Protein backbone atom coordinates (compact mmCIF):
# COMPACT_ATOMS: atom_id res chain seq x y z
CA MET A 1 17.54 -58.96 -118.77
CA ALA A 2 20.72 -56.94 -118.39
CA GLU A 3 23.68 -58.39 -116.49
CA TRP A 4 22.92 -56.22 -113.47
CA GLN A 5 19.26 -57.28 -113.38
CA THR A 6 19.80 -60.26 -111.13
CA LEU A 7 17.13 -62.12 -109.23
CA SER A 8 17.49 -63.38 -105.67
CA ASP A 9 19.44 -66.51 -104.83
CA ARG A 10 16.32 -67.56 -102.94
CA ILE A 11 14.16 -67.83 -106.05
CA ASN A 12 16.95 -69.12 -108.26
CA CYS A 13 17.46 -72.15 -106.00
CA VAL A 14 13.83 -73.24 -106.35
CA ALA A 15 12.69 -75.66 -109.03
CA PRO A 16 9.39 -75.11 -110.85
CA SER A 17 6.45 -77.32 -109.85
CA ALA A 18 6.75 -80.54 -111.85
CA THR A 19 3.02 -81.18 -111.72
CA LEU A 20 2.06 -77.69 -112.87
CA ALA A 21 4.68 -77.81 -115.64
CA VAL A 22 3.22 -81.01 -117.08
CA ASP A 23 -0.33 -79.73 -116.71
CA SER A 24 0.54 -76.45 -118.42
CA LYS A 25 2.20 -78.19 -121.37
CA ALA A 26 -0.71 -80.59 -121.76
CA LYS A 27 -3.19 -77.69 -121.73
CA ALA A 28 -1.12 -75.80 -124.29
CA MET A 29 -1.15 -78.84 -126.57
CA LYS A 30 -4.91 -79.16 -126.14
CA ALA A 31 -5.35 -75.48 -126.98
CA SER A 32 -3.46 -76.05 -130.23
CA GLY A 33 -5.90 -78.80 -131.18
CA ILE A 34 -4.04 -81.90 -129.99
CA ASP A 35 -6.13 -84.49 -128.15
CA VAL A 36 -4.16 -84.99 -124.93
CA ILE A 37 -5.22 -87.27 -122.09
CA GLY A 38 -4.03 -85.57 -118.90
CA PHE A 39 -3.03 -87.63 -115.89
CA GLY A 40 -0.91 -84.81 -114.50
CA ALA A 41 -2.92 -82.51 -112.26
CA GLY A 42 -4.27 -83.71 -108.92
CA GLU A 43 -7.66 -82.16 -109.48
CA PRO A 44 -11.02 -83.94 -109.14
CA ASN A 45 -13.04 -83.73 -112.34
CA PHE A 46 -16.27 -83.37 -110.35
CA PRO A 47 -18.02 -80.02 -109.96
CA THR A 48 -18.17 -78.53 -106.48
CA PRO A 49 -21.39 -79.85 -104.86
CA ASP A 50 -24.42 -77.66 -105.57
CA TYR A 51 -25.22 -76.85 -101.95
CA ILE A 52 -21.74 -75.34 -101.52
CA VAL A 53 -22.03 -73.29 -104.71
CA ASP A 54 -25.49 -72.09 -103.63
CA ALA A 55 -24.09 -70.91 -100.29
CA ALA A 56 -21.37 -68.97 -102.09
CA ALA A 57 -23.87 -67.41 -104.51
CA ALA A 58 -26.02 -66.25 -101.60
CA ALA A 59 -22.96 -64.83 -99.87
CA CYS A 60 -22.06 -62.89 -103.00
CA ARG A 61 -25.38 -61.06 -102.84
CA ASP A 62 -24.92 -59.98 -99.23
CA PRO A 63 -22.89 -56.75 -99.02
CA LYS A 64 -21.51 -57.66 -95.61
CA ASN A 65 -19.38 -60.30 -97.39
CA HIS A 66 -17.75 -57.73 -99.68
CA ARG A 67 -15.19 -56.67 -97.07
CA TYR A 68 -12.01 -57.85 -95.39
CA THR A 69 -12.36 -60.56 -92.79
CA PRO A 70 -9.99 -61.12 -89.86
CA THR A 71 -6.64 -62.27 -91.24
CA PRO A 72 -6.79 -65.76 -89.64
CA GLY A 73 -10.26 -66.34 -91.07
CA LEU A 74 -13.95 -65.97 -90.36
CA PRO A 75 -14.70 -66.91 -86.74
CA GLN A 76 -17.44 -69.33 -87.80
CA LEU A 77 -15.12 -71.11 -90.24
CA ARG A 78 -12.34 -71.45 -87.66
CA LYS A 79 -14.89 -72.86 -85.22
CA ALA A 80 -16.17 -75.27 -87.90
CA VAL A 81 -12.61 -76.45 -88.61
CA ALA A 82 -12.12 -77.08 -84.89
CA GLU A 83 -15.36 -79.09 -84.75
CA LYS A 84 -14.40 -80.97 -87.93
CA THR A 85 -11.04 -81.85 -86.37
CA LEU A 86 -12.77 -83.41 -83.39
CA ARG A 87 -15.21 -85.25 -85.67
CA ASP A 88 -12.65 -86.61 -88.13
CA SER A 89 -9.28 -86.62 -86.36
CA GLY A 90 -10.60 -87.53 -82.93
CA TYR A 91 -9.03 -84.86 -80.74
CA GLU A 92 -10.02 -81.42 -79.54
CA ILE A 93 -8.56 -78.11 -80.63
CA SER A 94 -9.76 -74.53 -80.13
CA PRO A 95 -10.69 -72.11 -82.94
CA ASP A 96 -7.77 -69.86 -82.05
CA GLN A 97 -5.43 -72.64 -83.13
CA VAL A 98 -6.74 -72.36 -86.72
CA VAL A 99 -5.51 -70.03 -89.47
CA VAL A 100 -7.44 -70.06 -92.74
CA THR A 101 -5.05 -69.89 -95.71
CA ASN A 102 -5.20 -69.42 -99.47
CA GLY A 103 -5.20 -73.13 -100.19
CA GLY A 104 -3.25 -75.88 -98.48
CA LYS A 105 -0.08 -74.83 -100.27
CA GLN A 106 0.04 -71.52 -98.40
CA ALA A 107 -0.34 -73.44 -95.14
CA VAL A 108 2.78 -75.46 -96.03
CA TYR A 109 4.69 -72.31 -96.91
CA GLU A 110 3.70 -70.47 -93.73
CA ALA A 111 4.48 -73.43 -91.49
CA LEU A 112 8.04 -73.54 -92.78
CA GLN A 113 8.50 -69.77 -92.74
CA ILE A 114 7.61 -69.54 -89.06
CA LEU A 115 9.69 -72.59 -88.05
CA ILE A 116 12.85 -72.73 -90.11
CA ASN A 117 16.06 -70.77 -89.67
CA PRO A 118 18.94 -70.85 -92.16
CA GLY A 119 20.71 -74.18 -91.87
CA ASP A 120 17.83 -76.04 -90.23
CA GLU A 121 17.12 -79.44 -91.76
CA VAL A 122 13.72 -80.87 -92.60
CA ILE A 123 13.33 -84.61 -93.15
CA ILE A 124 11.07 -85.38 -96.11
CA PRO A 125 10.01 -89.01 -96.66
CA ALA A 126 10.21 -89.73 -100.38
CA PRO A 127 8.43 -90.02 -102.74
CA TYR A 128 7.12 -86.62 -101.70
CA TRP A 129 4.83 -83.88 -102.97
CA THR A 130 6.94 -81.71 -105.24
CA THR A 131 6.42 -78.50 -103.21
CA TYR A 132 7.84 -79.76 -99.90
CA PRO A 133 11.59 -79.43 -100.63
CA GLU A 134 11.16 -76.17 -102.51
CA ALA A 135 9.21 -74.60 -99.64
CA VAL A 136 11.97 -75.72 -97.27
CA LYS A 137 14.57 -74.00 -99.47
CA LEU A 138 12.50 -70.81 -99.57
CA ALA A 139 12.61 -70.78 -95.76
CA GLY A 140 16.41 -71.07 -95.83
CA GLY A 141 16.37 -74.69 -94.71
CA LYS A 142 17.88 -77.87 -96.10
CA PRO A 143 15.59 -80.67 -97.31
CA VAL A 144 16.82 -84.13 -96.30
CA THR A 145 15.03 -86.89 -98.22
CA VAL A 146 14.53 -90.45 -96.99
CA PHE A 147 13.35 -92.78 -99.76
CA SER A 148 11.03 -95.72 -99.19
CA GLY A 149 10.10 -97.88 -102.16
CA PRO A 150 7.04 -99.95 -103.07
CA GLU A 151 8.57 -103.01 -101.39
CA ASN A 152 8.02 -101.15 -98.08
CA GLY A 153 4.60 -99.85 -99.09
CA PHE A 154 6.25 -96.43 -99.49
CA GLU A 155 6.32 -96.13 -95.67
CA PRO A 156 9.49 -94.89 -93.95
CA THR A 157 11.17 -96.83 -91.17
CA ILE A 158 12.36 -95.30 -87.93
CA GLU A 159 15.82 -96.68 -88.65
CA ALA A 160 15.96 -94.70 -91.89
CA LEU A 161 14.68 -91.53 -90.22
CA GLU A 162 17.16 -91.89 -87.39
CA ALA A 163 19.99 -92.33 -89.88
CA ALA A 164 18.96 -89.02 -91.47
CA ARG A 165 18.61 -87.11 -88.19
CA THR A 166 21.35 -84.67 -87.21
CA PRO A 167 21.68 -81.94 -84.57
CA HIS A 168 20.24 -79.60 -87.21
CA THR A 169 17.01 -81.57 -87.74
CA LYS A 170 14.10 -79.23 -87.02
CA ALA A 171 11.05 -80.92 -88.55
CA ILE A 172 9.67 -83.87 -90.48
CA PHE A 173 6.86 -84.08 -93.02
CA VAL A 174 4.08 -86.63 -92.65
CA ASN A 175 1.70 -87.10 -95.60
CA THR A 176 -0.84 -89.89 -95.35
CA PRO A 177 -2.72 -90.63 -97.56
CA SER A 178 0.18 -89.71 -99.78
CA ASN A 179 0.73 -87.67 -102.89
CA PRO A 180 2.27 -89.08 -105.12
CA THR A 181 2.19 -92.72 -103.97
CA GLY A 182 -1.38 -93.16 -102.78
CA ALA A 183 0.06 -94.95 -99.74
CA VAL A 184 -1.85 -94.91 -96.46
CA TRP A 185 0.62 -95.24 -93.61
CA SER A 186 -0.26 -97.82 -91.01
CA GLU A 187 -1.15 -96.68 -87.51
CA GLN A 188 1.98 -98.47 -86.34
CA THR A 189 4.16 -96.35 -88.63
CA VAL A 190 2.37 -93.12 -87.67
CA ARG A 191 2.75 -93.92 -83.97
CA ALA A 192 6.44 -94.74 -84.38
CA VAL A 193 7.10 -91.48 -86.23
CA GLY A 194 5.20 -89.46 -83.63
CA GLU A 195 7.00 -91.05 -80.70
CA TRP A 196 10.36 -90.60 -82.45
CA ALA A 197 9.59 -86.91 -83.01
CA VAL A 198 8.62 -86.42 -79.36
CA GLU A 199 11.77 -88.16 -78.15
CA HIS A 200 14.07 -86.05 -80.32
CA HIS A 201 12.20 -82.71 -80.15
CA VAL A 202 11.39 -82.65 -83.86
CA TRP A 203 8.44 -80.66 -85.20
CA VAL A 204 5.87 -82.64 -87.20
CA LEU A 205 4.29 -81.13 -90.31
CA SER A 206 1.27 -83.28 -91.09
CA ASP A 207 -0.34 -82.78 -94.51
CA GLU A 208 -3.82 -84.33 -94.22
CA ILE A 209 -5.40 -82.99 -97.40
CA TYR A 210 -6.39 -86.49 -98.64
CA GLU A 211 -7.72 -87.72 -95.30
CA HIS A 212 -11.14 -88.85 -96.61
CA LEU A 213 -9.88 -90.60 -99.75
CA THR A 214 -9.07 -94.12 -98.56
CA TYR A 215 -10.08 -97.51 -99.96
CA ASP A 216 -10.18 -101.23 -99.18
CA GLY A 217 -11.16 -100.58 -95.57
CA GLU A 218 -8.10 -98.42 -94.87
CA LYS A 219 -8.47 -95.47 -92.52
CA THR A 220 -6.32 -92.40 -92.09
CA ALA A 221 -4.27 -92.55 -88.89
CA TYR A 222 -4.03 -89.00 -87.52
CA ILE A 223 -0.73 -88.46 -85.76
CA GLY A 224 -2.29 -85.95 -83.34
CA ALA A 225 -4.75 -88.58 -82.18
CA VAL A 226 -2.39 -91.57 -82.22
CA VAL A 227 0.34 -89.73 -80.28
CA PRO A 228 -1.32 -87.04 -78.11
CA GLU A 229 2.08 -85.99 -76.73
CA VAL A 230 3.10 -84.67 -80.17
CA ARG A 231 0.38 -81.99 -80.37
CA ASP A 232 2.51 -79.19 -78.91
CA GLN A 233 5.03 -79.72 -81.72
CA LEU A 234 2.51 -80.54 -84.46
CA ILE A 235 1.35 -78.36 -87.34
CA VAL A 236 -1.50 -79.79 -89.41
CA MET A 237 -2.12 -78.57 -92.98
CA ASN A 238 -5.43 -79.28 -94.67
CA GLY A 239 -8.15 -77.76 -96.85
CA VAL A 240 -11.32 -78.28 -98.85
CA ALA A 241 -9.71 -78.74 -102.28
CA LYS A 242 -9.55 -82.51 -102.63
CA THR A 243 -12.33 -83.61 -100.28
CA TYR A 244 -15.04 -81.37 -101.74
CA ALA A 245 -13.74 -80.85 -105.32
CA MET A 246 -12.96 -77.22 -104.48
CA THR A 247 -9.46 -76.78 -105.92
CA GLY A 248 -10.23 -73.42 -107.50
CA TRP A 249 -11.79 -71.91 -104.38
CA ARG A 250 -8.38 -71.75 -102.68
CA VAL A 251 -9.27 -72.38 -99.04
CA GLY A 252 -6.98 -74.30 -96.73
CA TRP A 253 -5.97 -74.05 -93.11
CA LEU A 254 -3.15 -74.51 -90.67
CA ILE A 255 -3.62 -75.90 -87.17
CA GLY A 256 -1.00 -75.53 -84.47
CA SER A 257 -0.53 -74.41 -80.91
CA VAL A 258 -1.82 -70.90 -80.16
CA PRO A 259 1.69 -69.35 -80.47
CA VAL A 260 2.14 -71.10 -83.83
CA ALA A 261 -1.24 -69.88 -85.08
CA LYS A 262 -0.49 -66.33 -83.98
CA ALA A 263 2.86 -66.41 -85.79
CA ALA A 264 1.24 -67.74 -88.97
CA ALA A 265 -1.45 -65.05 -88.83
CA LYS A 266 1.22 -62.38 -88.33
CA LEU A 267 3.06 -63.62 -91.42
CA GLN A 268 -0.13 -63.85 -93.46
CA GLY A 269 -1.02 -60.32 -92.45
CA HIS A 270 1.96 -59.11 -94.46
CA MET A 271 1.37 -61.47 -97.40
CA THR A 272 -2.21 -61.98 -98.48
CA SER A 273 -4.26 -61.00 -95.42
CA ASN A 274 -7.54 -62.89 -95.38
CA VAL A 275 -8.84 -65.48 -97.83
CA ALA A 276 -11.71 -64.15 -99.98
CA ASP A 277 -14.81 -63.86 -97.80
CA VAL A 278 -17.16 -65.61 -100.24
CA CYS A 279 -14.75 -68.54 -100.58
CA GLN A 280 -14.62 -68.81 -96.80
CA GLN A 281 -18.44 -68.89 -96.73
CA ALA A 282 -18.36 -71.77 -99.23
CA ALA A 283 -15.73 -73.59 -97.17
CA PHE A 284 -17.82 -73.13 -94.02
CA THR A 285 -20.77 -74.81 -95.71
CA ALA A 286 -18.54 -77.66 -96.86
CA VAL A 287 -16.74 -78.25 -93.57
CA SER A 288 -19.83 -77.98 -91.37
CA GLY A 289 -21.95 -80.20 -93.63
CA SER A 290 -22.14 -83.93 -94.19
CA LEU A 291 -19.66 -86.09 -96.07
CA ASP A 292 -22.29 -87.59 -98.37
CA ALA A 293 -20.92 -85.93 -101.51
CA VAL A 294 -17.45 -87.07 -100.54
CA ALA A 295 -18.66 -90.67 -100.33
CA MET A 296 -20.02 -90.43 -103.87
CA MET A 297 -16.74 -89.11 -105.22
CA ARG A 298 -14.74 -91.69 -103.29
CA LYS A 299 -16.81 -94.48 -104.86
CA ALA A 300 -16.01 -93.14 -108.34
CA PHE A 301 -12.32 -92.77 -107.47
CA ASP A 302 -12.25 -96.34 -106.21
CA LYS A 303 -13.54 -97.61 -109.55
CA ARG A 304 -10.92 -95.58 -111.41
CA ARG A 305 -8.20 -96.73 -109.01
CA LYS A 306 -8.84 -100.34 -109.91
CA ALA A 307 -9.03 -99.54 -113.61
CA ILE A 308 -5.75 -97.62 -113.71
CA VAL A 309 -3.82 -100.24 -111.75
CA GLU A 310 -5.09 -102.91 -114.14
CA GLY A 311 -4.28 -100.73 -117.14
CA LEU A 312 -0.76 -99.85 -115.98
CA ASN A 313 0.15 -103.42 -115.10
CA ALA A 314 -1.02 -104.47 -118.58
CA VAL A 315 1.72 -102.31 -120.13
CA ASP A 316 4.83 -104.36 -120.88
CA GLY A 317 7.59 -103.21 -118.52
CA VAL A 318 5.37 -101.33 -116.06
CA THR A 319 4.77 -102.45 -112.48
CA CYS A 320 2.21 -100.68 -110.30
CA ARG A 321 1.42 -101.28 -106.66
CA THR A 322 -2.26 -100.81 -105.74
CA PRO A 323 -2.64 -97.47 -103.93
CA LYS A 324 -4.85 -97.39 -100.84
CA GLY A 325 -5.58 -93.67 -100.75
CA ALA A 326 -5.69 -90.29 -102.53
CA PHE A 327 -6.13 -90.52 -106.33
CA TYR A 328 -2.65 -91.28 -107.61
CA ALA A 329 -0.79 -94.30 -108.91
CA LEU A 330 3.02 -94.36 -108.99
CA PRO A 331 4.17 -97.18 -111.26
CA ASP A 332 7.77 -98.30 -111.62
CA VAL A 333 8.82 -97.71 -115.24
CA THR A 334 12.53 -98.49 -115.04
CA ALA A 335 12.06 -101.46 -117.41
CA LEU A 336 10.95 -99.00 -120.11
CA LEU A 337 14.18 -97.04 -119.99
CA ASN A 338 16.98 -97.55 -122.49
CA ARG A 339 14.80 -99.50 -124.92
CA PRO A 340 13.09 -98.51 -128.19
CA LEU A 341 9.53 -97.30 -127.69
CA GLY A 342 6.77 -96.23 -130.04
CA LYS A 343 6.70 -96.30 -133.80
CA ASN A 344 9.79 -94.08 -133.90
CA GLY A 345 11.83 -96.38 -131.67
CA SER A 346 12.49 -93.51 -129.27
CA VAL A 347 14.73 -94.23 -126.29
CA ALA A 348 14.40 -92.58 -122.89
CA LYS A 349 17.32 -92.71 -120.47
CA THR A 350 15.34 -91.27 -117.55
CA SER A 351 11.74 -91.24 -116.39
CA SER A 352 11.74 -87.50 -117.14
CA GLU A 353 12.61 -88.20 -120.76
CA LEU A 354 10.04 -91.00 -120.80
CA ALA A 355 7.28 -88.66 -119.64
CA GLU A 356 8.25 -86.18 -122.36
CA LEU A 357 8.15 -88.85 -125.08
CA LEU A 358 4.85 -90.21 -123.78
CA LEU A 359 3.31 -86.76 -124.02
CA GLU A 360 4.77 -85.84 -127.41
CA GLU A 361 4.24 -89.18 -129.17
CA ALA A 362 1.25 -90.80 -127.43
CA HIS A 363 -0.37 -87.57 -126.19
CA VAL A 364 -0.60 -88.92 -122.65
CA ALA A 365 0.48 -86.58 -119.84
CA ALA A 366 2.03 -88.06 -116.68
CA VAL A 367 4.44 -86.50 -114.20
CA PRO A 368 8.02 -87.83 -114.04
CA GLY A 369 9.17 -89.27 -110.75
CA GLU A 370 12.16 -86.93 -110.56
CA GLY A 371 9.78 -84.21 -109.36
CA PHE A 372 8.85 -86.38 -106.39
CA GLY A 373 12.29 -87.64 -105.45
CA ALA A 374 11.49 -90.93 -107.20
CA PRO A 375 13.41 -91.31 -110.49
CA GLY A 376 12.31 -94.38 -112.40
CA PHE A 377 8.63 -93.80 -111.62
CA LEU A 378 5.76 -91.88 -113.23
CA ARG A 379 2.80 -90.40 -111.38
CA PHE A 380 -0.66 -90.82 -112.86
CA SER A 381 -3.63 -89.01 -111.33
CA TYR A 382 -6.84 -90.95 -111.81
CA ALA A 383 -9.05 -87.96 -110.96
CA LEU A 384 -10.33 -87.82 -114.55
CA ALA A 385 -13.29 -89.17 -116.48
CA ASP A 386 -13.59 -92.95 -116.86
CA ASP A 387 -13.52 -92.84 -120.66
CA ASP A 388 -10.42 -90.63 -120.69
CA LEU A 389 -8.69 -92.95 -118.25
CA ALA A 390 -9.40 -95.99 -120.42
CA GLU A 391 -8.26 -94.19 -123.57
CA GLY A 392 -5.06 -93.00 -121.88
CA MET A 393 -4.17 -96.51 -120.76
CA ARG A 394 -4.91 -97.83 -124.26
CA ARG A 395 -2.57 -95.25 -125.80
CA PHE A 396 0.18 -95.97 -123.29
CA LYS A 397 0.03 -99.71 -123.94
CA GLU A 398 -0.11 -99.30 -127.71
CA TRP A 399 2.81 -96.85 -127.69
CA VAL A 400 5.04 -99.14 -125.65
CA GLY A 401 4.09 -102.06 -127.92
């Protein structure tokens, strides 16, 4: 590009997605013939359940589904999301509080675009999903991270949040079950955060995409149910991707007060307009149906969860807390830094360098903790086949020695 061909400061301040970068490199290596075990992408390896695919196929054949839908989504899908919210989250909303988005990521983006003014601060408990701070920057805001380590179960304390709060604090992210930690915040923590937000007039952005993936008797505590007073300042972001193995269908939603939903729909009207009609039909079938298929997938994830924790803790220098939700493990790998590793005696000074060496030398793809505000950690997704998981752990252990 010529010197005058500059790009916006807005896009230049944003970092690429760490998870997508690792996944792309791993796929490129696979395409070149290298056998890579990928723990990078948070994508279930299960096919979308047949009854959902069948509904989409039938919708494809009906010409009435070949047109635009209302920007905020099909009326029947918005109604189904409202009914699902009552069923799962335990409180009532109306369909006009729902905006159907192109995946959960668009819901995050829109929530911040309609809330944040330049200079506003958004508190982000860390470790966090890699998109949160970048979406805040794109809205002109300032991400303020508050780190909580495995010794605290990766749950933030009110004292830490209060220390981070300033007159410019506009919102806080809540993500339980969590990506990348797999932590399921206790109801006590969720209640404390909700009450703190109400007291200080802070918006709550609750990412509930992993709500049904919990283990060991843990249950998701929904902040809108635990603290009813927070609902007027609550925006919920969710979707079908993780629960129903529908990542490629790109259907999410945003739930807020009616003014919030109208603002999000207005923004979406100038961005993407409606989500593809056929995908919405598939999502309607998923959301309005049973959770039987989800239970099957959760059982498989639970088995893999136990296997990966055992495999990671068997690696000399790796310590991994047992996650209670989602399908991620976030082991501490600081003991692997600044020491010779592999047959080449390679030395990594950071977890980012460690992830690169692990991929290049052992052909195991994991995401470095730097992308999640957690240097010294690596994120492993266990949403992959059992045999691949076992082989990946074997390679990791053998490479470390």
